[in-house]
């Protein structure tokens, strides 16, 4: 099951009852906006203990439409690359520190 923004907001509201829900929502929006703007500028975003987001350039190439098999020219574009932190990797794989 995926976590969506509303579910994250509900969980934060439950864990921090002293904060207003609208303030928590504004906080989440600011964080996501800053991550978006930083990646758009081509810089990396490092969240210690979670991972690093960075952008890479995907070269222009000739790809194939899987439905029709037709060759399609794909232009150069930026893609997001995520590398998870070692701590997160260990927690996901039930390894002890």
C-alpha atoms as a PDB file:
ATOM      1  CA  UNK A   1       0.000   0.000   0.000  1.00  0.00           C
ATOM      2  CA  UNK A   2       1.366   3.402  -0.990  1.00  0.00           C
ATOM      3  CA  UNK A   3       1.464   6.334   1.360  1.00  0.00           C
ATOM      4  CA  UNK A   4      -0.268   9.423   0.054  1.00  0.00           C
ATOM      5  CA  UNK A   5       0.042  12.991   1.271  1.00  0.00           C
ATOM      6  CA  UNK A   6      -3.303  12.880   3.105  1.00  0.00           C
ATOM      7  CA  UNK A   7      -2.299   9.719   4.980  1.00  0.00           C
ATOM      8  CA  UNK A   8       1.055  11.266   5.906  1.00  0.00           C
ATOM      9  CA  UNK A   9      -0.756  14.371   7.138  1.00  0.00           C
ATOM     10  CA  UNK A  10      -3.132  12.250   9.231  1.00  0.00           C
ATOM     11  CA  UNK A  11      -0.213  10.369  10.808  1.00  0.00           C
ATOM     12  CA  UNK A  12       1.666  13.590  11.608  1.00  0.00           C
ATOM     13  CA  UNK A  13      -1.500  15.084  13.088  1.00  0.00           C
ATOM     14  CA  UNK A  14      -1.911  12.031  15.315  1.00  0.00           C
ATOM     15  CA  UNK A  15       1.749  12.089  16.434  1.00  0.00           C
ATOM     16  CA  UNK A  16       1.829  15.862  16.997  1.00  0.00           C
ATOM     17  CA  UNK A  17      -1.587  16.887  18.339  1.00  0.00           C
ATOM     18  CA  UNK A  18      -0.320  20.322  19.445  1.00  0.00           C
ATOM     19  CA  UNK A  19       0.136  21.434  15.824  1.00  0.00           C
ATOM     20  CA  UNK A  20      -2.793  22.558  13.718  1.00  0.00           C
ATOM     21  CA  UNK A  21      -3.546  20.353  10.736  1.00  0.00           C
ATOM     22  CA  UNK A  22      -3.279  23.303   8.340  1.00  0.00           C
ATOM     23  CA  UNK A  23       0.190  24.132   9.717  1.00  0.00           C
ATOM     24  CA  UNK A  24       1.352  20.549   9.204  1.00  0.00           C
ATOM     25  CA  UNK A  25      -0.029  20.597   5.670  1.00  0.00           C
ATOM     26  CA  UNK A  26       1.834  23.852   4.950  1.00  0.00           C
ATOM     27  CA  UNK A  27       5.002  22.287   6.387  1.00  0.00           C
ATOM     28  CA  UNK A  28       4.704  19.254   4.072  1.00  0.00           C
ATOM     29  CA  UNK A  29       4.017  21.515   1.082  1.00  0.00           C
ATOM     30  CA  UNK A  30       7.101  23.637   1.825  1.00  0.00           C
ATOM     31  CA  UNK A  31       9.356  20.575   2.106  1.00  0.00           C
ATOM     32  CA  UNK A  32       8.086  19.037  -1.136  1.00  0.00           C
ATOM     33  CA  UNK A  33       8.308  22.363  -2.970  1.00  0.00           C
ATOM     34  CA  UNK A  34      11.920  22.875  -1.845  1.00  0.00           C
ATOM     35  CA  UNK A  35      12.839  19.346  -2.972  1.00  0.00           C
ATOM     36  CA  UNK A  36      11.204  20.010  -6.357  1.00  0.00           C
ATOM     37  CA  UNK A  37      12.936  23.383  -6.832  1.00  0.00           C
ATOM     38  CA  UNK A  38      16.330  22.007  -5.798  1.00  0.00           C
ATOM     39  CA  UNK A  39      16.087  19.127  -8.267  1.00  0.00           C
ATOM     40  CA  UNK A  40      14.920  21.519 -10.988  1.00  0.00           C
ATOM     41  CA  UNK A  41      18.094  23.585 -10.438  1.00  0.00           C
ATOM     42  CA  UNK A  42      20.123  20.389 -10.957  1.00  0.00           C
ATOM     43  CA  UNK A  43      21.285  20.139  -7.346  1.00  0.00           C
ATOM     44  CA  UNK A  44      21.073  17.076  -5.108  1.00  0.00           C
ATOM     45  CA  UNK A  45      18.809  16.619  -2.108  1.00  0.00           C
ATOM     46  CA  UNK A  46      20.268  14.632   0.776  1.00  0.00           C
ATOM     47  CA  UNK A  47      18.018  13.400   3.578  1.00  0.00           C
ATOM     48  CA  UNK A  48      20.313  11.803   6.139  1.00  0.00           C
ATOM     49  CA  UNK A  49      19.255   8.293   7.072  1.00  0.00           C
ATOM     50  CA  UNK A  50      16.866   8.137   4.095  1.00  0.00           C
ATOM     51  CA  UNK A  51      18.760   8.765   0.877  1.00  0.00           C
ATOM     52  CA  UNK A  52      19.855  11.141  -1.866  1.00  0.00           C
ATOM     53  CA  UNK A  53      17.805  12.450  -4.779  1.00  0.00           C
ATOM     54  CA  UNK A  54      19.679  13.770  -7.810  1.00  0.00           C
ATOM     55  CA  UNK A  55      18.971  14.430 -11.478  1.00  0.00           C
ATOM     56  CA  UNK A  56      20.645  12.801 -14.441  1.00  0.00           C
ATOM     57  CA  UNK A  57      20.384  13.501 -18.145  1.00  0.00           C
ATOM     58  CA  UNK A  58      18.879  10.733 -20.247  1.00  0.00           C
ATOM     59  CA  UNK A  59      20.276  11.016 -23.767  1.00  0.00           C
ATOM     60  CA  UNK A  60      18.078  11.320 -26.824  1.00  0.00           C
ATOM     61  CA  UNK A  61      17.498   7.919 -28.376  1.00  0.00           C
ATOM     62  CA  UNK A  62      15.295   5.883 -30.640  1.00  0.00           C
ATOM     63  CA  UNK A  63      12.846   3.864 -28.541  1.00  0.00           C
ATOM     64  CA  UNK A  64       9.990   1.552 -29.427  1.00  0.00           C
ATOM     65  CA  UNK A  65       6.268   1.820 -28.759  1.00  0.00           C
ATOM     66  CA  UNK A  66       5.544  -1.518 -27.001  1.00  0.00           C
ATOM     67  CA  UNK A  67       1.944  -1.603 -28.224  1.00  0.00           C
ATOM     68  CA  UNK A  68       2.602  -1.103 -31.943  1.00  0.00           C
ATOM     69  CA  UNK A  69       6.317  -1.834 -32.241  1.00  0.00           C
ATOM     70  CA  UNK A  70       6.768   1.501 -34.037  1.00  0.00           C
ATOM     71  CA  UNK A  71      10.104   3.286 -33.580  1.00  0.00           C
ATOM     72  CA  UNK A  72       9.815   6.639 -31.817  1.00  0.00           C
ATOM     73  CA  UNK A  73      12.403   9.392 -31.368  1.00  0.00           C
ATOM     74  CA  UNK A  74      12.750  10.242 -27.681  1.00  0.00           C
ATOM     75  CA  UNK A  75      14.306  13.598 -26.830  1.00  0.00           C
ATOM     76  CA  UNK A  76      16.906  14.251 -24.150  1.00  0.00           C
ATOM     77  CA  UNK A  77      15.355  14.698 -20.698  1.00  0.00           C
ATOM     78  CA  UNK A  78      16.158  14.915 -17.013  1.00  0.00           C
ATOM     79  CA  UNK A  79      15.357  11.936 -14.792  1.00  0.00           C
ATOM     80  CA  UNK A  80      15.410  11.611 -11.025  1.00  0.00           C
ATOM     81  CA  UNK A  81      17.878   9.176  -9.488  1.00  0.00           C
ATOM     82  CA  UNK A  82      17.456   7.964  -5.894  1.00  0.00           C
ATOM     83  CA  UNK A  83      20.125   6.256  -3.861  1.00  0.00           C
ATOM     84  CA  UNK A  84      18.997   5.008  -0.477  1.00  0.00           C
ATOM     85  CA  UNK A  85      21.047   5.467   2.671  1.00  0.00           C
ATOM     86  CA  UNK A  86      22.791   2.482   4.245  1.00  0.00           C
ATOM     87  CA  UNK A  87      20.611   2.850   7.373  1.00  0.00           C
ATOM     88  CA  UNK A  88      17.434   2.576   5.304  1.00  0.00           C
ATOM     89  CA  UNK A  89      18.856  -0.380   3.383  1.00  0.00           C
ATOM     90  CA  UNK A  90      19.618  -2.204   6.635  1.00  0.00           C
ATOM     91  CA  UNK A  91      16.160  -1.497   8.065  1.00  0.00           C
ATOM     92  CA  UNK A  92      14.437  -2.685   4.879  1.00  0.00           C
ATOM     93  CA  UNK A  93      16.454  -5.904   4.891  1.00  0.00           C
ATOM     94  CA  UNK A  94      16.094  -6.541   8.648  1.00  0.00           C
ATOM     95  CA  UNK A  95      19.805  -6.259   9.273  1.00  0.00           C
ATOM     96  CA  UNK A  96      21.043  -5.126  12.669  1.00  0.00           C
ATOM     97  CA  UNK A  97      23.505  -2.249  12.957  1.00  0.00           C
END
